Amino acid sequence: MAALDAAGEFETINRLLRPLAHPDYARNLEDDVAVLPSRSGYDLVLTKDAIVEGVHFLAEDPLETVAQKLLRVNLSDLAAKGAEPFGYLLACHWSPRCGWPEREAFAAGLKADQAAFSIHLLGGDTVATPGPASFSVTMLGWVSKGRAVSRAGARPGDLVFVTGTIGDGWLGLQAARGMLTLDPERVEALIGHYRTPMPRVAFSGPVRDLATASIDVSDGLLADLGHVAAVSGVGIEIDLERVPVSAAGQAWLDGRVDLEAALERLTTGGDDYEIALTVRPGDEGALRREAERRHLRLSQIGRVTVGQGVMARLAGKPVEIRKEGWTHD
């Protein structure tokens, strides 16, 4: 880790980050590298996501939850590939608002989620920036050799499923901006989902064993399924009325005059961090049993067809989607 920052780079590393380091492979954060031995019978799976203040989190968001969101969006990628998380590399770009108390809060968020998901810090970098603050993680995980699920395996006749609920990420952002009129407890629940989404790490095994293709829902359900359709060379049909929503999401829907437009918002808003996957019809029962064992909501929302792209339907009729999801322009 290199480069000086306002609160002291080495103090930040020594007091806040070193206690989070892997006891065997991070070299106590005293070297320029971590050294990770190979694991017989497994592939190493890597993913990287960055989050930027004002884009992926709000300036008023507590840095403790910013750190948790940073880890969780990366863990979600691993879960969608059927991989078991192991550790991560971290880059912190501290803005002037990130004084020592804020850095302590950030480290506390990392510590909490390291314990929750059995991972460790392996190394990284910390620098100062005039702003905005931004952070990135390279997450490492293991999966049985040759078993990492891709976006490319969906075939006509497969069923399309999604874990959890869709739309709370977008609704949570609106709630955090003070733009929703709902009961206070629903607003708080939505803000909590936006700040600290729950990656489906516990479902990575069934994804690995049963999914023909999978993706985590970050850019929006329809956009991400569009990625699966494109790489797999298939079409995907989605029944919007079957897309699962939370109690808070349903309360918001109940107040909408234009149901079609409201469902479009929920399925294109992004930041859900659920897993969308395709499964052969014969494996549906096994997949549902695995979800029930984990007390995880699982919904069949569509099917894979011959064709291309994603077709959304409401009450059996095609719906024109103007923008399928978030784009990183």
Protein backbone atom coordinates (compact mmCIF):
# COMPACT_ATOMS: atom_id res chain seq x y z
CA MET A 1 0.00 0.00 0.00
CA ALA A 2 1.43 3.35 -1.05
CA ALA A 3 0.91 7.15 -1.26
CA LEU A 4 0.37 9.61 1.56
CA ASP A 5 -3.04 10.88 2.64
CA ALA A 6 -4.37 13.49 5.03
CA ALA A 7 -4.85 11.25 8.05
CA GLY A 8 -1.55 9.45 7.47
CA GLU A 9 -1.39 6.46 5.17
CA PHE A 10 0.69 4.31 7.45
CA GLU A 11 -1.41 5.12 10.50
CA THR A 12 -4.50 4.13 8.51
CA ILE A 13 -2.87 0.85 7.51
CA ASN A 14 -1.34 0.06 10.89
CA ARG A 15 -4.32 0.89 13.09
CA LEU A 16 -7.33 0.22 10.86
CA LEU A 17 -6.45 -2.16 8.03
CA ARG A 18 -3.76 -4.46 9.40
CA PRO A 19 -6.16 -6.02 11.96
CA LEU A 20 -8.34 -7.04 8.97
CA ALA A 21 -5.54 -8.75 7.07
CA HIS A 22 -5.45 -12.48 6.37
CA PRO A 23 -3.22 -14.10 9.03
CA ASP A 24 -1.39 -16.35 6.56
CA TYR A 25 -1.32 -14.78 3.10
CA ALA A 26 -1.35 -10.96 3.43
CA ARG A 27 2.23 -10.70 4.80
CA ASN A 28 0.91 -8.45 7.56
CA LEU A 29 0.39 -5.70 4.94
CA GLU A 30 4.15 -5.05 5.15
CA ASP A 31 4.95 -6.06 1.55
CA ASP A 32 3.83 -4.98 -1.93
CA VAL A 33 2.07 -8.28 -2.55
CA ALA A 34 0.04 -11.04 -0.99
CA VAL A 35 1.03 -14.62 -1.78
CA LEU A 36 -1.79 -17.08 -2.29
CA PRO A 37 -1.05 -20.80 -2.72
CA SER A 38 -2.95 -22.82 -5.30
CA ARG A 39 -5.83 -25.04 -4.22
CA SER A 40 -5.98 -28.47 -5.78
CA GLY A 41 -9.20 -29.20 -7.64
CA TYR A 42 -10.41 -25.57 -7.65
CA ASP A 43 -10.39 -22.57 -9.95
CA LEU A 44 -9.67 -19.11 -8.59
CA VAL A 45 -12.50 -16.71 -9.47
CA LEU A 46 -11.87 -12.96 -9.47
CA THR A 47 -14.21 -9.99 -9.77
CA LYS A 48 -13.80 -6.25 -9.33
CA ASP A 49 -16.28 -3.46 -8.65
CA ALA A 50 -15.79 0.18 -7.73
CA ILE A 51 -18.18 2.57 -6.01
CA VAL A 52 -18.05 6.37 -6.30
CA GLU A 53 -19.64 8.97 -4.04
CA GLY A 54 -22.54 10.63 -5.79
CA VAL A 55 -22.90 7.73 -8.21
CA HIS A 56 -23.13 4.50 -6.18
CA PHE A 57 -23.58 5.97 -2.71
CA LEU A 58 -24.70 9.31 -1.33
CA ALA A 59 -22.46 11.85 0.35
CA GLU A 60 -24.49 11.50 3.55
CA ASP A 61 -24.27 7.70 3.67
CA PRO A 62 -22.30 6.47 6.71
CA LEU A 63 -18.90 5.15 5.67
CA GLU A 64 -19.56 2.00 7.69
CA THR A 65 -22.37 1.05 5.31
CA VAL A 66 -20.34 2.26 2.29
CA ALA A 67 -17.67 -0.30 3.21
CA GLN A 68 -20.28 -3.02 3.60
CA LYS A 69 -21.88 -2.19 0.26
CA LEU A 70 -18.45 -2.25 -1.38
CA LEU A 71 -17.83 -5.80 -0.19
CA ARG A 72 -21.35 -6.99 -0.86
CA VAL A 73 -21.59 -5.90 -4.48
CA ASN A 74 -18.45 -7.90 -5.14
CA LEU A 75 -19.62 -10.89 -3.11
CA SER A 76 -22.79 -10.87 -5.19
CA ASP A 77 -20.75 -11.40 -8.36
CA LEU A 78 -19.04 -14.43 -6.83
CA ALA A 79 -22.32 -15.90 -5.63
CA ALA A 80 -23.77 -15.68 -9.14
CA LYS A 81 -20.85 -17.73 -10.42
CA GLY A 82 -21.29 -20.41 -7.76
CA ALA A 83 -18.02 -19.45 -6.05
CA GLU A 84 -17.06 -19.48 -2.36
CA PRO A 85 -15.54 -16.12 -1.27
CA PHE A 86 -12.02 -16.11 0.15
CA GLY A 87 -10.50 -12.64 0.38
CA TYR A 88 -10.10 -9.28 -1.30
CA LEU A 89 -7.79 -6.48 -2.40
CA LEU A 90 -8.91 -2.98 -1.45
CA ALA A 91 -8.29 0.48 -2.91
CA CYS A 92 -9.39 3.54 -0.94
CA HIS A 93 -9.49 7.01 -2.50
CA TRP A 94 -10.13 9.22 0.52
CA SER A 95 -11.70 12.63 -0.05
CA PRO A 96 -11.34 15.55 2.41
CA ARG A 97 -14.54 14.47 4.20
CA CYS A 98 -12.85 11.17 5.16
CA GLY A 99 -11.18 12.11 8.42
CA TRP A 100 -10.09 9.68 11.08
CA PRO A 101 -13.58 8.99 12.53
CA GLU A 102 -14.90 8.29 9.03
CA ARG A 103 -12.01 5.92 8.33
CA GLU A 104 -12.66 4.15 11.61
CA ALA A 105 -16.28 3.73 10.58
CA PHE A 106 -15.21 2.39 7.18
CA ALA A 107 -12.90 -0.15 8.82
CA ALA A 108 -15.67 -1.17 11.23
CA GLY A 109 -17.92 -1.93 8.25
CA LEU A 110 -15.21 -4.05 6.66
CA LYS A 111 -14.66 -5.91 9.93
CA ALA A 112 -18.36 -6.67 10.38
CA ASP A 113 -18.74 -8.12 6.90
CA GLN A 114 -15.47 -10.00 7.02
CA ALA A 115 -16.92 -11.86 9.99
CA ALA A 116 -20.31 -12.30 8.33
CA PHE A 117 -18.93 -13.73 5.08
CA SER A 118 -15.70 -15.40 6.26
CA ILE A 119 -13.29 -13.31 4.19
CA HIS A 120 -10.07 -11.39 4.89
CA LEU A 121 -8.22 -8.41 3.49
CA LEU A 122 -5.20 -9.44 1.38
CA GLY A 123 -3.74 -6.04 0.45
CA GLY A 124 -4.38 -2.99 -1.69
CA ASP A 125 -3.72 0.73 -1.81
CA THR A 126 -4.84 3.94 -0.11
CA VAL A 127 -4.56 7.44 -1.60
CA ALA A 128 -5.91 10.96 -1.13
CA THR A 129 -8.13 12.70 -3.68
CA PRO A 130 -9.75 16.13 -3.78
CA GLY A 131 -13.00 14.23 -4.27
CA PRO A 132 -15.34 12.60 -4.61
CA ALA A 133 -14.43 9.63 -2.43
CA SER A 134 -14.30 6.29 -4.20
CA PHE A 135 -13.41 2.74 -3.29
CA SER A 136 -12.84 -0.49 -5.15
CA VAL A 137 -12.42 -4.15 -4.30
CA THR A 138 -11.03 -7.09 -6.19
CA MET A 139 -12.76 -10.10 -4.64
CA LEU A 140 -11.29 -13.60 -4.86
CA GLY A 141 -13.15 -16.86 -4.47
CA TRP A 142 -12.88 -20.57 -5.15
CA VAL A 143 -15.08 -22.87 -7.20
CA SER A 144 -14.67 -26.53 -8.09
CA LYS A 145 -12.54 -26.82 -11.22
CA GLY A 146 -14.50 -26.09 -14.38
CA ARG A 147 -17.75 -25.42 -12.48
CA ALA A 148 -17.96 -21.60 -12.47
CA VAL A 149 -21.34 -20.71 -13.98
CA SER A 150 -21.26 -18.31 -16.93
CA ARG A 151 -23.80 -16.16 -18.75
CA ALA A 152 -23.50 -18.37 -21.83
CA GLY A 153 -25.34 -21.58 -20.94
CA ALA A 154 -29.03 -20.64 -21.22
CA ARG A 155 -30.96 -22.75 -23.75
CA PRO A 156 -34.51 -22.53 -25.14
CA GLY A 157 -36.89 -24.25 -22.76
CA ASP A 158 -34.96 -23.29 -19.63
CA LEU A 159 -36.88 -21.56 -16.86
CA VAL A 160 -35.84 -18.15 -15.52
CA PHE A 161 -35.70 -17.61 -11.75
CA VAL A 162 -34.68 -14.78 -9.47
CA THR A 163 -33.86 -14.82 -5.76
CA GLY A 164 -35.32 -12.42 -3.21
CA THR A 165 -37.18 -9.33 -4.36
CA ILE A 166 -36.65 -6.79 -7.13
CA GLY A 167 -36.89 -3.02 -6.96
CA ASP A 168 -35.81 -2.28 -3.40
CA GLY A 169 -32.45 -0.94 -4.56
CA TRP A 170 -34.01 1.75 -6.73
CA LEU A 171 -36.75 2.46 -4.19
CA GLY A 172 -34.12 2.66 -1.44
CA LEU A 173 -32.25 5.33 -3.36
CA GLN A 174 -35.45 7.34 -3.72
CA ALA A 175 -36.14 6.86 0.00
CA ALA A 176 -32.61 7.99 0.94
CA ARG A 177 -33.16 11.12 -1.15
CA GLY A 178 -36.42 11.82 0.69
CA MET A 179 -38.51 11.25 -2.43
CA LEU A 180 -40.88 8.51 -1.18
CA THR A 181 -44.10 8.88 0.78
CA LEU A 182 -44.50 5.60 2.67
CA ASP A 183 -44.76 4.53 6.29
CA PRO A 184 -41.51 5.33 8.15
CA GLU A 185 -40.69 1.66 8.79
CA ARG A 186 -40.98 0.88 5.07
CA VAL A 187 -38.79 3.86 4.20
CA GLU A 188 -36.15 2.67 6.67
CA ALA A 189 -36.27 -0.86 5.27
CA LEU A 190 -35.74 0.42 1.75
CA ILE A 191 -32.86 2.68 2.77
CA GLY A 192 -31.30 -0.29 4.55
CA HIS A 193 -31.52 -2.39 1.40
CA TYR A 194 -29.96 0.36 -0.71
CA ARG A 195 -27.07 0.87 1.70
CA THR A 196 -26.41 -2.76 2.65
CA PRO A 197 -27.87 -5.21 0.12
CA MET A 198 -27.64 -8.90 1.01
CA PRO A 199 -25.52 -10.92 -1.43
CA ARG A 200 -26.82 -14.47 -1.91
CA VAL A 201 -23.57 -16.14 -0.91
CA ALA A 202 -25.45 -18.94 0.87
CA PHE A 203 -27.10 -19.87 -2.44
CA SER A 204 -23.88 -20.16 -4.44
CA GLY A 205 -23.83 -23.97 -4.15
CA PRO A 206 -27.23 -24.53 -5.79
CA VAL A 207 -26.31 -21.96 -8.45
CA ARG A 208 -23.13 -23.89 -9.22
CA ASP A 209 -24.90 -27.25 -9.30
CA LEU A 210 -28.17 -26.40 -11.04
CA ALA A 211 -27.97 -23.17 -13.05
CA THR A 212 -27.32 -23.25 -16.79
CA ALA A 213 -26.52 -19.52 -16.72
CA SER A 214 -26.59 -16.84 -14.03
CA ILE A 215 -25.88 -13.20 -13.31
CA ASP A 216 -26.20 -10.90 -10.33
CA VAL A 217 -28.82 -8.18 -10.66
CA SER A 218 -26.89 -4.93 -10.40
CA ASP A 219 -27.73 -2.90 -13.51
CA GLY A 220 -31.44 -3.80 -13.45
CA LEU A 221 -33.24 -7.13 -13.85
CA LEU A 222 -34.12 -6.65 -17.51
CA ALA A 223 -30.70 -5.29 -18.45
CA ASP A 224 -28.86 -8.11 -16.72
CA LEU A 225 -31.07 -10.78 -18.26
CA GLY A 226 -30.36 -9.05 -21.55
CA HIS A 227 -26.68 -9.77 -20.98
CA VAL A 228 -27.49 -13.45 -20.47
CA ALA A 229 -29.64 -13.53 -23.61
CA ALA A 230 -26.91 -11.88 -25.69
CA VAL A 231 -24.07 -14.13 -24.56
CA SER A 232 -26.20 -17.29 -24.71
CA GLY A 233 -27.64 -16.40 -28.13
CA VAL A 234 -31.25 -16.81 -26.99
CA GLY A 235 -34.37 -14.83 -26.21
CA ILE A 236 -35.81 -14.41 -22.73
CA GLU A 237 -39.46 -13.70 -21.93
CA ILE A 238 -40.32 -12.18 -18.55
CA ASP A 239 -43.78 -11.99 -16.98
CA LEU A 240 -43.72 -8.69 -15.10
CA GLU A 241 -46.59 -9.67 -12.80
CA ARG A 242 -44.46 -12.59 -11.54
CA VAL A 243 -41.48 -10.44 -10.59
CA PRO A 244 -41.28 -10.59 -6.75
CA VAL A 245 -41.47 -7.37 -4.75
CA SER A 246 -41.09 -6.70 -1.05
CA ALA A 247 -43.86 -5.49 1.25
CA ALA A 248 -42.47 -1.97 0.89
CA GLY A 249 -42.29 -2.38 -2.86
CA GLN A 250 -45.90 -3.56 -2.97
CA ALA A 251 -46.98 -0.59 -0.86
CA TRP A 252 -45.33 1.70 -3.40
CA LEU A 253 -46.91 -0.17 -6.32
CA ASP A 254 -50.36 0.09 -4.73
CA GLY A 255 -50.13 3.85 -5.03
CA ARG A 256 -49.28 3.89 -8.73
CA VAL A 257 -51.84 4.71 -11.40
CA ASP A 258 -49.71 3.34 -14.27
CA LEU A 259 -48.77 -0.21 -13.20
CA GLU A 260 -46.82 -0.87 -16.37
CA ALA A 261 -44.58 2.16 -15.89
CA ALA A 262 -44.12 1.36 -12.18
CA LEU A 263 -43.03 -2.22 -12.89
CA GLU A 264 -40.65 -0.90 -15.53
CA ARG A 265 -39.07 1.31 -12.87
CA LEU A 266 -38.60 -1.59 -10.47
CA THR A 267 -37.17 -3.97 -13.07
CA THR A 268 -34.74 -1.46 -14.57
CA GLY A 269 -33.60 0.51 -11.51
CA GLY A 270 -30.79 -1.83 -10.46
CA ASP A 271 -28.86 -2.14 -7.18
CA ASP A 272 -30.83 -5.24 -6.15
CA TYR A 273 -27.90 -7.71 -5.95
CA GLU A 274 -30.12 -10.73 -6.30
CA ILE A 275 -29.26 -13.65 -8.58
CA ALA A 276 -31.09 -14.19 -11.86
CA LEU A 277 -30.54 -17.68 -13.22
CA THR A 278 -31.76 -20.11 -15.83
CA VAL A 279 -32.49 -23.73 -14.99
CA ARG A 280 -33.58 -26.81 -16.92
CA PRO A 281 -37.23 -27.67 -16.19
CA GLY A 282 -36.21 -30.99 -14.70
CA ASP A 283 -34.11 -29.21 -12.05
CA GLU A 284 -36.84 -26.85 -10.87
CA GLY A 285 -37.85 -29.03 -7.93
CA ALA A 286 -34.29 -29.41 -6.68
CA LEU A 287 -33.69 -25.66 -6.97
CA ARG A 288 -36.85 -24.85 -5.02
CA ARG A 289 -35.92 -27.32 -2.30
CA GLU A 290 -32.50 -25.73 -1.91
CA ALA A 291 -34.11 -22.29 -1.62
CA GLU A 292 -36.59 -23.57 0.98
CA ARG A 293 -33.76 -25.08 3.02
CA ARG A 294 -32.18 -21.62 3.18
CA HIS A 295 -35.49 -19.82 3.79
CA LEU A 296 -34.79 -17.88 0.60
CA ARG A 297 -37.55 -16.50 -1.59
CA LEU A 298 -37.25 -17.85 -5.13
CA SER A 299 -39.55 -16.96 -8.02
CA GLN A 300 -39.92 -18.27 -11.54
CA ILE A 301 -40.42 -15.16 -13.66
CA GLY A 302 -40.07 -16.34 -17.24
CA ARG A 303 -38.57 -18.67 -19.78
CA VAL A 304 -35.79 -18.92 -22.34
CA THR A 305 -36.90 -18.92 -25.97
CA VAL A 306 -35.52 -19.11 -29.48
CA GLY A 307 -34.73 -15.55 -30.50
CA GLN A 308 -32.77 -12.64 -29.08
CA GLY A 309 -33.06 -10.04 -26.36
CA VAL A 310 -35.57 -9.73 -23.53
CA MET A 311 -39.31 -9.52 -24.06
CA ALA A 312 -41.30 -8.23 -21.08
CA ARG A 313 -45.00 -9.08 -20.83
CA LEU A 314 -47.78 -7.89 -18.55
CA ALA A 315 -50.97 -9.98 -18.47
CA GLY A 316 -49.67 -11.76 -21.56
CA LYS A 317 -49.21 -8.60 -23.63
CA PRO A 318 -45.79 -7.28 -24.74
CA VAL A 319 -44.54 -4.20 -22.90
CA GLU A 320 -42.24 -1.69 -24.56
CA ILE A 321 -39.29 -1.03 -22.25
CA ARG A 322 -37.65 2.31 -22.97
CA LYS A 323 -34.45 1.70 -21.01
CA GLU A 324 -33.61 -1.75 -19.65
CA GLY A 325 -31.30 -0.61 -16.87
CA TRP A 326 -28.24 1.25 -15.67
CA THR A 327 -25.40 1.91 -18.11
CA HIS A 328 -21.85 2.86 -17.10
CA ASP A 329 -21.39 5.84 -19.42
